[in-house]
Amino acid sequence: MHTPRLKAVPARDALDFAAAYAGAYDAEAMDWLGWFERPRPEVVQWLLEVTEHNRARRSRELPASLRSVRHWRRKDSAFFVLVDRAEGRCAGAVSVQVKDGEVGGWLAPRFRGVGLGTELFRAGADIAHEQLGMTTVRAGTQRSNTACRRALEAAGYEAAEGPSHHTLPDGRTVEACWYAHQAHRRAELQVEHL
């Protein structure tokens, strides 16, 4: 599948997962996501330089500590790598929780602030509706994350009921707001036939 500027590709192997996660290891993303563990900075930089052109070689060179797909994969979600169509570089990731239809994702620093958040959340809605058959999907974010809120709204998500607070993986509790996307408000993605 693709949006105007991104390809949404199911994660195939440990390199796909590691490169996608590398886009969220900067201080800004980790603050929003509440993560507290990350690889060494030089490993993160190496992962951010993976492209479609060097992928095969980088896959062979992937550090042993990152090779286990089990380390990355969650059985309860559909995880897609977002590839920038112009550069062939991992721009981020989007996932859909299979059990509750919650959509989440992030963009690597160099791909933020240019409207790709809208495409990320449209891709998440389309994956959930078209591939997983979900009628409604939800997304939550910190109330203070205005960029994420704008991207959700631009992608056709509407304000929805949800818990007013959320505890992040690092233990912080933050004010939250919730959005829902209905199947009748289907995202406009094109499907590429392989």
N, C-alpha and C. Protein backbone atom coordinates (compact mmCIF):
# COMPACT_ATOMS: atom_id res chain seq x y z
N MET A 1 0.84 -1.18 0.00
CA MET A 1 0.00 0.00 0.00
C MET A 1 0.88 1.23 0.00
N HIS A 2 0.33 2.31 -0.51
CA HIS A 2 1.07 3.55 -0.43
C HIS A 2 0.14 4.75 -0.31
N THR A 3 0.68 5.77 0.31
CA THR A 3 0.04 7.08 0.38
C THR A 3 0.79 7.93 -0.64
N PRO A 4 0.47 9.18 -0.79
CA PRO A 4 1.20 9.98 -1.78
C PRO A 4 2.73 9.97 -1.59
N ARG A 5 3.21 9.95 -0.34
CA ARG A 5 4.65 10.02 -0.12
C ARG A 5 5.26 8.83 0.63
N LEU A 6 4.42 7.90 1.10
CA LEU A 6 4.91 6.78 1.90
C LEU A 6 4.42 5.45 1.36
N LYS A 7 5.24 4.41 1.53
CA LYS A 7 4.81 3.04 1.31
C LYS A 7 4.66 2.40 2.68
N ALA A 8 3.56 1.71 2.93
CA ALA A 8 3.36 0.96 4.17
C ALA A 8 3.65 -0.50 3.86
N VAL A 9 4.73 -1.02 4.44
CA VAL A 9 5.21 -2.36 4.15
C VAL A 9 5.18 -3.18 5.44
N PRO A 10 4.54 -4.37 5.44
CA PRO A 10 4.59 -5.19 6.65
C PRO A 10 6.05 -5.50 7.00
N ALA A 11 6.39 -5.38 8.27
CA ALA A 11 7.76 -5.67 8.71
C ALA A 11 8.09 -7.11 8.37
N ARG A 12 9.20 -7.31 7.64
CA ARG A 12 9.58 -8.65 7.16
C ARG A 12 10.56 -9.35 8.08
N ASP A 13 11.45 -8.60 8.69
CA ASP A 13 12.52 -9.22 9.45
C ASP A 13 13.01 -8.26 10.53
N ALA A 14 14.03 -8.68 11.26
CA ALA A 14 14.55 -7.87 12.37
C ALA A 14 15.06 -6.52 11.89
N LEU A 15 15.65 -6.45 10.69
CA LEU A 15 16.15 -5.18 10.19
C LEU A 15 15.00 -4.19 10.00
N ASP A 16 13.88 -4.63 9.45
CA ASP A 16 12.73 -3.74 9.28
C ASP A 16 12.27 -3.19 10.63
N PHE A 17 12.12 -4.07 11.60
CA PHE A 17 11.69 -3.62 12.93
C PHE A 17 12.70 -2.64 13.52
N ALA A 18 13.99 -3.01 13.50
CA ALA A 18 15.03 -2.18 14.12
C ALA A 18 15.12 -0.81 13.46
N ALA A 19 15.06 -0.76 12.13
CA ALA A 19 15.14 0.52 11.42
C ALA A 19 13.93 1.39 11.73
N ALA A 20 12.76 0.77 11.82
CA ALA A 20 11.55 1.53 12.14
C ALA A 20 11.63 2.10 13.56
N TYR A 21 12.03 1.26 14.52
CA TYR A 21 12.13 1.73 15.89
C TYR A 21 13.20 2.80 16.04
N ALA A 22 14.25 2.76 15.24
CA ALA A 22 15.32 3.76 15.34
C ALA A 22 14.79 5.17 15.14
N GLY A 23 13.74 5.31 14.36
CA GLY A 23 13.14 6.62 14.13
C GLY A 23 12.48 7.23 15.35
N ALA A 24 12.32 6.45 16.41
CA ALA A 24 11.68 6.96 17.63
C ALA A 24 12.62 6.97 18.82
N TYR A 25 13.92 6.89 18.56
CA TYR A 25 14.89 6.87 19.66
C TYR A 25 15.49 8.23 19.97
N ASP A 26 14.97 9.30 19.40
CA ASP A 26 15.45 10.63 19.75
C ASP A 26 14.69 11.12 20.98
N ALA A 27 15.21 12.14 21.63
CA ALA A 27 14.65 12.62 22.90
C ALA A 27 13.18 13.05 22.77
N GLU A 28 12.84 13.74 21.68
CA GLU A 28 11.46 14.22 21.51
C GLU A 28 10.48 13.05 21.43
N ALA A 29 10.77 12.09 20.57
CA ALA A 29 9.87 10.94 20.42
C ALA A 29 9.80 10.13 21.70
N MET A 30 10.94 9.90 22.33
CA MET A 30 10.94 9.09 23.55
C MET A 30 10.16 9.77 24.66
N ASP A 31 10.15 11.10 24.68
CA ASP A 31 9.34 11.81 25.66
C ASP A 31 7.85 11.58 25.40
N TRP A 32 7.43 11.69 24.12
CA TRP A 32 6.02 11.47 23.79
C TRP A 32 5.61 10.02 24.00
N LEU A 33 6.49 9.08 23.65
CA LEU A 33 6.14 7.65 23.74
C LEU A 33 6.39 7.06 25.12
N GLY A 34 7.24 7.70 25.90
CA GLY A 34 7.51 7.21 27.24
C GLY A 34 8.47 6.04 27.27
N TRP A 35 9.27 5.89 26.22
CA TRP A 35 10.25 4.81 26.19
C TRP A 35 11.48 5.21 26.99
N PHE A 36 12.22 4.25 27.46
CA PHE A 36 13.41 4.58 28.23
C PHE A 36 14.63 3.74 27.86
N GLU A 37 14.48 2.78 27.00
CA GLU A 37 15.61 1.96 26.55
C GLU A 37 15.85 2.20 25.07
N ARG A 38 17.14 2.26 24.69
CA ARG A 38 17.46 2.43 23.28
C ARG A 38 18.88 1.91 23.03
N PRO A 39 19.16 1.53 21.79
CA PRO A 39 20.53 1.12 21.45
C PRO A 39 21.49 2.30 21.54
N ARG A 40 22.77 1.99 21.46
CA ARG A 40 23.81 3.03 21.46
C ARG A 40 23.57 4.00 20.29
N PRO A 41 23.93 5.28 20.46
CA PRO A 41 23.68 6.28 19.40
C PRO A 41 24.26 5.90 18.04
N GLU A 42 25.45 5.28 18.01
CA GLU A 42 26.03 4.92 16.71
C GLU A 42 25.21 3.81 16.02
N VAL A 43 24.58 2.93 16.80
CA VAL A 43 23.72 1.88 16.22
C VAL A 43 22.45 2.52 15.67
N VAL A 44 21.88 3.46 16.43
CA VAL A 44 20.68 4.17 15.96
C VAL A 44 20.99 4.89 14.65
N GLN A 45 22.11 5.59 14.58
CA GLN A 45 22.48 6.30 13.35
C GLN A 45 22.64 5.34 12.18
N TRP A 46 23.27 4.19 12.41
CA TRP A 46 23.46 3.17 11.38
C TRP A 46 22.11 2.69 10.87
N LEU A 47 21.16 2.47 11.78
CA LEU A 47 19.81 2.02 11.39
C LEU A 47 19.07 3.09 10.60
N LEU A 48 19.25 4.35 10.96
CA LEU A 48 18.58 5.44 10.24
C LEU A 48 19.10 5.59 8.81
N GLU A 49 20.26 5.02 8.52
CA GLU A 49 20.84 5.10 7.18
C GLU A 49 20.48 3.91 6.29
N VAL A 50 19.63 3.00 6.78
CA VAL A 50 19.17 1.89 5.95
C VAL A 50 18.25 2.43 4.86
N THR A 51 18.49 2.02 3.62
CA THR A 51 17.64 2.39 2.49
C THR A 51 17.26 1.13 1.72
N GLU A 52 16.34 1.26 0.80
CA GLU A 52 16.00 0.11 -0.05
C GLU A 52 17.22 -0.35 -0.84
N HIS A 53 18.10 0.59 -1.18
CA HIS A 53 19.29 0.28 -1.98
C HIS A 53 20.32 -0.54 -1.19
N ASN A 54 20.53 -0.24 0.10
CA ASN A 54 21.56 -0.94 0.87
C ASN A 54 20.98 -1.97 1.84
N ARG A 55 19.68 -2.23 1.76
CA ARG A 55 19.00 -3.10 2.71
C ARG A 55 19.60 -4.50 2.79
N ALA A 56 19.87 -5.14 1.66
CA ALA A 56 20.40 -6.52 1.68
C ALA A 56 21.73 -6.58 2.41
N ARG A 57 22.62 -5.64 2.12
CA ARG A 57 23.92 -5.62 2.79
C ARG A 57 23.75 -5.31 4.28
N ARG A 58 22.93 -4.33 4.61
CA ARG A 58 22.72 -3.96 6.01
C ARG A 58 22.08 -5.12 6.79
N SER A 59 21.25 -5.89 6.14
CA SER A 59 20.63 -7.03 6.82
C SER A 59 21.70 -8.03 7.27
N ARG A 60 22.69 -8.26 6.42
CA ARG A 60 23.79 -9.17 6.77
C ARG A 60 24.67 -8.60 7.88
N GLU A 61 24.74 -7.27 7.97
CA GLU A 61 25.61 -6.60 8.95
C GLU A 61 24.89 -6.24 10.25
N LEU A 62 23.61 -6.55 10.35
CA LEU A 62 22.84 -6.19 11.53
C LEU A 62 23.50 -6.75 12.79
N PRO A 63 23.73 -5.91 13.80
CA PRO A 63 24.36 -6.40 15.03
C PRO A 63 23.59 -7.57 15.64
N ALA A 64 24.32 -8.53 16.16
CA ALA A 64 23.72 -9.75 16.72
C ALA A 64 22.66 -9.43 17.78
N SER A 65 22.89 -8.38 18.55
CA SER A 65 21.94 -8.04 19.62
C SER A 65 20.57 -7.61 19.09
N LEU A 66 20.48 -7.27 17.80
CA LEU A 66 19.23 -6.81 17.21
C LEU A 66 18.60 -7.84 16.26
N ARG A 67 19.20 -8.99 16.10
CA ARG A 67 18.77 -9.96 15.08
C ARG A 67 17.48 -10.71 15.40
N SER A 68 17.08 -10.82 16.64
CA SER A 68 15.90 -11.61 16.98
C SER A 68 14.62 -10.84 16.68
N VAL A 69 13.81 -11.38 15.78
CA VAL A 69 12.52 -10.76 15.47
C VAL A 69 11.63 -10.79 16.70
N ARG A 70 11.77 -11.83 17.51
CA ARG A 70 10.96 -11.93 18.74
C ARG A 70 11.20 -10.72 19.64
N HIS A 71 12.38 -10.17 19.59
CA HIS A 71 12.71 -8.99 20.39
C HIS A 71 11.82 -7.81 20.01
N TRP A 72 11.43 -7.74 18.76
CA TRP A 72 10.69 -6.59 18.25
C TRP A 72 9.20 -6.82 18.09
N ARG A 73 8.81 -8.00 17.61
CA ARG A 73 7.43 -8.26 17.20
C ARG A 73 6.51 -8.43 18.40
N ARG A 74 5.35 -7.80 18.30
CA ARG A 74 4.27 -8.03 19.28
C ARG A 74 3.21 -8.84 18.57
N LYS A 75 2.81 -9.94 19.18
CA LYS A 75 1.85 -10.84 18.54
C LYS A 75 0.46 -10.21 18.42
N ASP A 76 0.19 -9.20 19.21
CA ASP A 76 -1.15 -8.62 19.21
C ASP A 76 -1.30 -7.40 18.30
N SER A 77 -0.32 -7.19 17.39
CA SER A 77 -0.45 -6.02 16.52
C SER A 77 0.04 -6.31 15.11
N ALA A 78 -0.53 -5.55 14.19
CA ALA A 78 -0.06 -5.55 12.80
C ALA A 78 0.89 -4.36 12.69
N PHE A 79 2.16 -4.62 12.36
CA PHE A 79 3.21 -3.60 12.37
C PHE A 79 3.69 -3.36 10.95
N PHE A 80 3.65 -2.10 10.52
CA PHE A 80 4.06 -1.72 9.17
C PHE A 80 5.17 -0.68 9.23
N VAL A 81 6.19 -0.89 8.41
CA VAL A 81 7.26 0.08 8.25
C VAL A 81 6.80 1.09 7.21
N LEU A 82 7.03 2.36 7.48
CA LEU A 82 6.69 3.42 6.53
C LEU A 82 7.97 3.83 5.81
N VAL A 83 7.99 3.61 4.50
CA VAL A 83 9.16 3.92 3.69
C VAL A 83 8.87 5.17 2.86
N ASP A 84 9.76 6.14 2.94
CA ASP A 84 9.65 7.35 2.14
C ASP A 84 9.85 6.96 0.67
N ARG A 85 8.87 7.23 -0.16
CA ARG A 85 8.93 6.79 -1.56
C ARG A 85 10.04 7.50 -2.34
N ALA A 86 10.35 8.73 -2.00
CA ALA A 86 11.37 9.48 -2.74
C ALA A 86 12.77 9.00 -2.42
N GLU A 87 13.07 8.71 -1.16
CA GLU A 87 14.43 8.34 -0.74
C GLU A 87 14.63 6.85 -0.54
N GLY A 88 13.52 6.10 -0.39
CA GLY A 88 13.65 4.67 -0.09
C GLY A 88 14.14 4.41 1.32
N ARG A 89 13.98 5.39 2.19
CA ARG A 89 14.48 5.32 3.56
C ARG A 89 13.30 5.12 4.53
N CYS A 90 13.54 4.41 5.62
CA CYS A 90 12.50 4.21 6.63
C CYS A 90 12.14 5.56 7.24
N ALA A 91 10.87 5.93 7.12
CA ALA A 91 10.39 7.20 7.64
C ALA A 91 9.71 7.06 8.98
N GLY A 92 9.36 5.84 9.37
CA GLY A 92 8.67 5.62 10.64
C GLY A 92 7.95 4.30 10.64
N ALA A 93 6.89 4.24 11.44
CA ALA A 93 6.13 3.00 11.57
C ALA A 93 4.70 3.32 11.97
N VAL A 94 3.81 2.39 11.68
CA VAL A 94 2.43 2.46 12.14
C VAL A 94 2.02 1.04 12.54
N SER A 95 1.26 0.96 13.62
CA SER A 95 0.79 -0.36 14.06
C SER A 95 -0.67 -0.26 14.44
N VAL A 96 -1.34 -1.41 14.36
CA VAL A 96 -2.74 -1.51 14.77
C VAL A 96 -2.83 -2.68 15.74
N GLN A 97 -3.34 -2.40 16.93
CA GLN A 97 -3.55 -3.47 17.91
C GLN A 97 -4.76 -4.29 17.45
N VAL A 98 -4.54 -5.57 17.24
CA VAL A 98 -5.58 -6.43 16.69
C VAL A 98 -6.76 -6.57 17.64
N LYS A 99 -6.50 -6.63 18.92
CA LYS A 99 -7.56 -6.86 19.90
C LYS A 99 -8.50 -5.67 20.06
N ASP A 100 -7.94 -4.46 20.16
CA ASP A 100 -8.80 -3.31 20.45
C ASP A 100 -8.82 -2.24 19.35
N GLY A 101 -8.11 -2.46 18.25
CA GLY A 101 -8.14 -1.52 17.14
C GLY A 101 -7.48 -0.19 17.43
N GLU A 102 -6.51 -0.17 18.32
CA GLU A 102 -5.80 1.08 18.61
C GLU A 102 -4.66 1.26 17.63
N VAL A 103 -4.62 2.43 17.00
CA VAL A 103 -3.60 2.78 16.02
C VAL A 103 -2.54 3.64 16.71
N GLY A 104 -1.28 3.36 16.40
CA GLY A 104 -0.19 4.16 16.93
C GLY A 104 0.93 4.23 15.91
N GLY A 105 1.85 5.12 16.11
CA GLY A 105 2.97 5.20 15.19
C GLY A 105 3.84 6.40 15.49
N TRP A 106 4.87 6.54 14.69
CA TRP A 106 5.82 7.64 14.83
C TRP A 106 6.54 7.87 13.51
N LEU A 107 7.18 9.01 13.43
CA LEU A 107 8.01 9.35 12.28
C LEU A 107 9.43 9.63 12.77
N ALA A 108 10.41 9.29 11.95
CA ALA A 108 11.80 9.60 12.25
C ALA A 108 11.96 11.13 12.20
N PRO A 109 12.92 11.68 12.94
CA PRO A 109 13.05 13.14 13.03
C PRO A 109 13.08 13.88 11.70
N ARG A 110 13.80 13.37 10.71
CA ARG A 110 13.91 14.09 9.44
C ARG A 110 12.62 14.12 8.64
N PHE A 111 11.61 13.31 9.05
CA PHE A 111 10.35 13.25 8.32
C PHE A 111 9.20 13.92 9.08
N ARG A 112 9.51 14.57 10.18
CA ARG A 112 8.48 15.26 10.96
C ARG A 112 8.30 16.69 10.45
N GLY A 113 7.11 17.23 10.68
CA GLY A 113 6.85 18.63 10.36
C GLY A 113 6.57 18.91 8.91
N VAL A 114 6.33 17.87 8.10
CA VAL A 114 6.06 18.08 6.67
C VAL A 114 4.74 17.43 6.23
N GLY A 115 3.86 17.15 7.19
CA GLY A 115 2.55 16.60 6.86
C GLY A 115 2.46 15.09 6.75
N LEU A 116 3.54 14.38 7.03
CA LEU A 116 3.51 12.92 6.90
C LEU A 116 2.75 12.25 8.04
N GLY A 117 2.55 12.95 9.15
CA GLY A 117 1.76 12.38 10.25
C GLY A 117 0.34 12.06 9.79
N THR A 118 -0.22 12.92 8.95
CA THR A 118 -1.54 12.67 8.40
C THR A 118 -1.54 11.39 7.57
N GLU A 119 -0.52 11.21 6.74
CA GLU A 119 -0.43 9.99 5.93
C GLU A 119 -0.22 8.76 6.81
N LEU A 120 0.56 8.90 7.88
CA LEU A 120 0.77 7.79 8.82
C LEU A 120 -0.57 7.32 9.38
N PHE A 121 -1.38 8.25 9.89
CA PHE A 121 -2.65 7.86 10.51
C PHE A 121 -3.69 7.43 9.49
N ARG A 122 -3.63 7.95 8.26
CA ARG A 122 -4.51 7.44 7.21
C ARG A 122 -4.15 5.99 6.88
N ALA A 123 -2.85 5.71 6.82
CA ALA A 123 -2.41 4.34 6.56
C ALA A 123 -2.89 3.41 7.66
N GLY A 124 -2.78 3.83 8.92
CA GLY A 124 -3.24 3.01 10.03
C GLY A 124 -4.73 2.71 9.93
N ALA A 125 -5.53 3.71 9.59
CA ALA A 125 -6.97 3.51 9.44
C ALA A 125 -7.26 2.56 8.29
N ASP A 126 -6.58 2.73 7.17
CA ASP A 126 -6.83 1.87 6.02
C ASP A 126 -6.45 0.42 6.32
N ILE A 127 -5.32 0.22 6.95
CA ILE A 127 -4.90 -1.14 7.33
C ILE A 127 -5.95 -1.78 8.22
N ALA A 128 -6.41 -1.03 9.22
CA ALA A 128 -7.40 -1.57 10.16
C ALA A 128 -8.72 -1.88 9.47
N HIS A 129 -9.21 -0.97 8.66
CA HIS A 129 -10.51 -1.17 8.02
C HIS A 129 -10.45 -2.20 6.90
N GLU A 130 -9.47 -2.04 6.00
CA GLU A 130 -9.42 -2.87 4.80
C GLU A 130 -8.78 -4.24 5.01
N GLN A 131 -7.72 -4.31 5.78
CA GLN A 131 -7.03 -5.58 5.94
C GLN A 131 -7.47 -6.36 7.16
N LEU A 132 -7.85 -5.65 8.23
CA LEU A 132 -8.23 -6.33 9.47
C LEU A 132 -9.73 -6.34 9.69
N GLY A 133 -10.49 -5.67 8.82
CA GLY A 133 -11.96 -5.70 8.89
C GLY A 133 -12.56 -4.97 10.07
N MET A 134 -11.84 -4.02 10.64
CA MET A 134 -12.34 -3.29 11.80
C MET A 134 -13.23 -2.12 11.35
N THR A 135 -14.36 -1.97 12.02
CA THR A 135 -15.27 -0.88 11.70
C THR A 135 -14.79 0.43 12.29
N THR A 136 -14.28 0.37 13.51
CA THR A 136 -13.82 1.57 14.21
C THR A 136 -12.42 1.33 14.74
N VAL A 137 -11.56 2.32 14.59
CA VAL A 137 -10.24 2.28 15.22
C VAL A 137 -10.09 3.52 16.08
N ARG A 138 -9.19 3.42 17.06
CA ARG A 138 -8.97 4.52 17.99
C ARG A 138 -7.50 4.87 18.04
N ALA A 139 -7.23 6.09 18.42
CA ALA A 139 -5.85 6.53 18.65
C ALA A 139 -5.88 7.50 19.83
N GLY A 140 -4.89 7.38 20.68
CA GLY A 140 -4.77 8.28 21.81
C GLY A 140 -3.44 9.00 21.74
N THR A 141 -3.39 10.18 22.31
CA THR A 141 -2.15 10.94 22.36
C THR A 141 -2.16 11.84 23.58
N GLN A 142 -1.01 12.35 23.92
CA GLN A 142 -0.95 13.31 25.01
C GLN A 142 -1.69 14.58 24.58
N ARG A 143 -2.44 15.12 25.50
CA ARG A 143 -3.20 16.34 25.20
C ARG A 143 -2.29 17.46 24.70
N SER A 144 -1.06 17.52 25.20
CA SER A 144 -0.13 18.59 24.81
C SER A 144 0.56 18.34 23.47
N ASN A 145 0.36 17.18 22.85
CA ASN A 145 1.02 16.87 21.58
C ASN A 145 0.16 17.40 20.43
N THR A 146 0.24 18.69 20.19
CA THR A 146 -0.61 19.32 19.18
C THR A 146 -0.31 18.83 17.77
N ALA A 147 0.94 18.51 17.46
CA ALA A 147 1.27 18.01 16.12
C ALA A 147 0.56 16.69 15.85
N CYS A 148 0.56 15.80 16.82
CA CYS A 148 -0.12 14.51 16.66
C CYS A 148 -1.63 14.72 16.55
N ARG A 149 -2.17 15.59 17.37
CA ARG A 149 -3.61 15.84 17.34
C ARG A 149 -4.03 16.40 15.97
N ARG A 150 -3.25 17.32 15.44
CA ARG A 150 -3.57 17.89 14.12
C ARG A 150 -3.50 16.81 13.04
N ALA A 151 -2.49 15.94 13.12
CA ALA A 151 -2.35 14.88 12.12
C ALA A 151 -3.54 13.93 12.18
N LEU A 152 -3.97 13.56 13.37
CA LEU A 152 -5.13 12.68 13.52
C LEU A 152 -6.38 13.33 12.92
N GLU A 153 -6.60 14.58 13.24
CA GLU A 153 -7.78 15.28 12.73
C GLU A 153 -7.73 15.41 11.20
N ALA A 154 -6.55 15.73 10.66
CA ALA A 154 -6.41 15.85 9.20
C ALA A 154 -6.61 14.50 8.51
N ALA A 155 -6.34 13.40 9.23
CA ALA A 155 -6.51 12.06 8.67
C ALA A 155 -7.94 11.55 8.80
N GLY A 156 -8.85 12.37 9.32
CA GLY A 156 -10.26 11.98 9.41
C GLY A 156 -10.66 11.36 10.73
N TYR A 157 -9.82 11.40 11.73
CA TYR A 157 -10.19 10.91 13.06
C TYR A 157 -10.97 12.01 13.76
N GLU A 158 -11.95 11.61 14.55
CA GLU A 158 -12.77 12.57 15.27
C GLU A 158 -12.62 12.35 16.77
N ALA A 159 -12.80 13.42 17.55
CA ALA A 159 -12.69 13.33 19.00
C ALA A 159 -13.60 12.23 19.53
N ALA A 160 -13.11 11.47 20.51
CA ALA A 160 -13.87 10.35 21.06
C ALA A 160 -13.66 10.28 22.57
N GLU A 161 -14.51 9.53 23.22
CA GLU A 161 -14.39 9.31 24.66
C GLU A 161 -13.20 8.40 24.93
N GLY A 162 -12.58 8.60 26.06
CA GLY A 162 -11.48 7.76 26.48
C GLY A 162 -10.95 8.22 27.82
N PRO A 163 -10.07 7.45 28.43
CA PRO A 163 -9.52 7.83 29.73
C PRO A 163 -8.82 9.19 29.65
N SER A 164 -9.00 10.00 30.68
CA SER A 164 -8.41 11.34 30.67
C SER A 164 -6.91 11.32 30.96
N HIS A 165 -6.41 10.22 31.50
CA HIS A 165 -4.99 10.09 31.80
C HIS A 165 -4.49 8.74 31.30
N HIS A 166 -3.21 8.70 31.00
CA HIS A 166 -2.58 7.47 30.49
C HIS A 166 -1.20 7.35 31.13
N THR A 167 -0.84 6.12 31.53
CA THR A 167 0.48 5.89 32.10
C THR A 167 1.39 5.35 31.00
N LEU A 168 2.49 6.05 30.77
CA LEU A 168 3.46 5.67 29.74
C LEU A 168 4.38 4.57 30.27
N PRO A 169 5.08 3.86 29.37
CA PRO A 169 5.98 2.79 29.80
C PRO A 169 7.04 3.22 30.82
N ASP A 170 7.45 4.50 30.79
CA ASP A 170 8.46 4.96 31.74
C ASP A 170 7.87 5.33 33.10
N GLY A 171 6.55 5.13 33.27
CA GLY A 171 5.89 5.36 34.55
C GLY A 171 5.23 6.72 34.70
N ARG A 172 5.47 7.65 33.77
CA ARG A 172 4.83 8.96 33.86
C ARG A 172 3.35 8.85 33.49
N THR A 173 2.52 9.61 34.20
CA THR A 173 1.11 9.69 33.86
C THR A 173 0.88 11.04 33.19
N VAL A 174 0.24 11.01 32.02
CA VAL A 174 0.03 12.22 31.22
C VAL A 174 -1.46 12.40 30.92
N GLU A 175 -1.85 13.65 30.66
CA GLU A 175 -3.22 13.91 30.22
C GLU A 175 -3.36 13.38 28.80
N ALA A 176 -4.45 12.69 28.53
CA ALA A 176 -4.64 12.06 27.22
C ALA A 176 -5.91 12.58 26.56
N CYS A 177 -5.93 12.49 25.23
CA CYS A 177 -7.15 12.72 24.47
C CYS A 177 -7.23 11.61 23.42
N TRP A 178 -8.45 11.31 23.01
CA TRP A 178 -8.71 10.14 22.17
C TRP A 178 -9.45 10.53 20.91
N TYR A 179 -9.22 9.74 19.88
CA TYR A 179 -9.84 9.95 18.58
C TYR A 179 -10.31 8.61 18.03
N ALA A 180 -11.31 8.66 17.16
CA ALA A 180 -11.81 7.45 16.51
C ALA A 180 -11.94 7.71 15.02
N HIS A 181 -11.76 6.63 14.24
CA HIS A 181 -11.92 6.70 12.79
C HIS A 181 -12.88 5.58 12.40
N GLN A 182 -13.94 5.95 11.68
CA GLN A 182 -14.96 4.99 11.26
C GLN A 182 -14.67 4.49 9.85
N ALA A 183 -15.05 3.25 9.57
CA ALA A 183 -14.81 2.66 8.25
C ALA A 183 -15.44 3.47 7.14
N HIS A 184 -16.58 4.09 7.37
CA HIS A 184 -17.21 4.89 6.32
C HIS A 184 -16.41 6.13 5.97
N ARG A 185 -15.45 6.48 6.82
CA ARG A 185 -14.56 7.62 6.54
C ARG A 185 -13.22 7.08 6.05
N ARG A 186 -13.29 6.06 5.24
CA ARG A 186 -12.13 5.32 4.75
C ARG A 186 -11.02 6.24 4.24
N ALA A 187 -9.81 5.92 4.67
CA ALA A 187 -8.65 6.68 4.19
C ALA A 187 -8.46 6.43 2.70
N GLU A 188 -7.87 7.40 2.02
CA GLU A 188 -7.66 7.29 0.58
C GLU A 188 -6.26 6.81 0.28
N LEU A 189 -6.06 5.50 0.32
CA LEU A 189 -4.78 4.90 -0.02
C LEU A 189 -4.94 4.10 -1.29
N GLN A 190 -3.87 3.92 -1.99
CA GLN A 190 -3.88 3.11 -3.18
C GLN A 190 -3.18 1.80 -2.85
N VAL A 191 -3.68 0.72 -3.40
CA VAL A 191 -3.07 -0.59 -3.17
C VAL A 191 -2.22 -0.95 -4.35
N GLU A 192 -0.97 -1.29 -4.08
CA GLU A 192 -0.07 -1.75 -5.14
C GLU A 192 -0.17 -3.27 -5.20
N HIS A 193 -0.32 -3.82 -6.36
CA HIS A 193 -0.32 -5.26 -6.51
C HIS A 193 1.10 -5.71 -6.80
N LEU A 194 1.58 -6.65 -6.02
CA LEU A 194 2.95 -7.13 -6.18
C LEU A 194 3.02 -8.17 -7.28
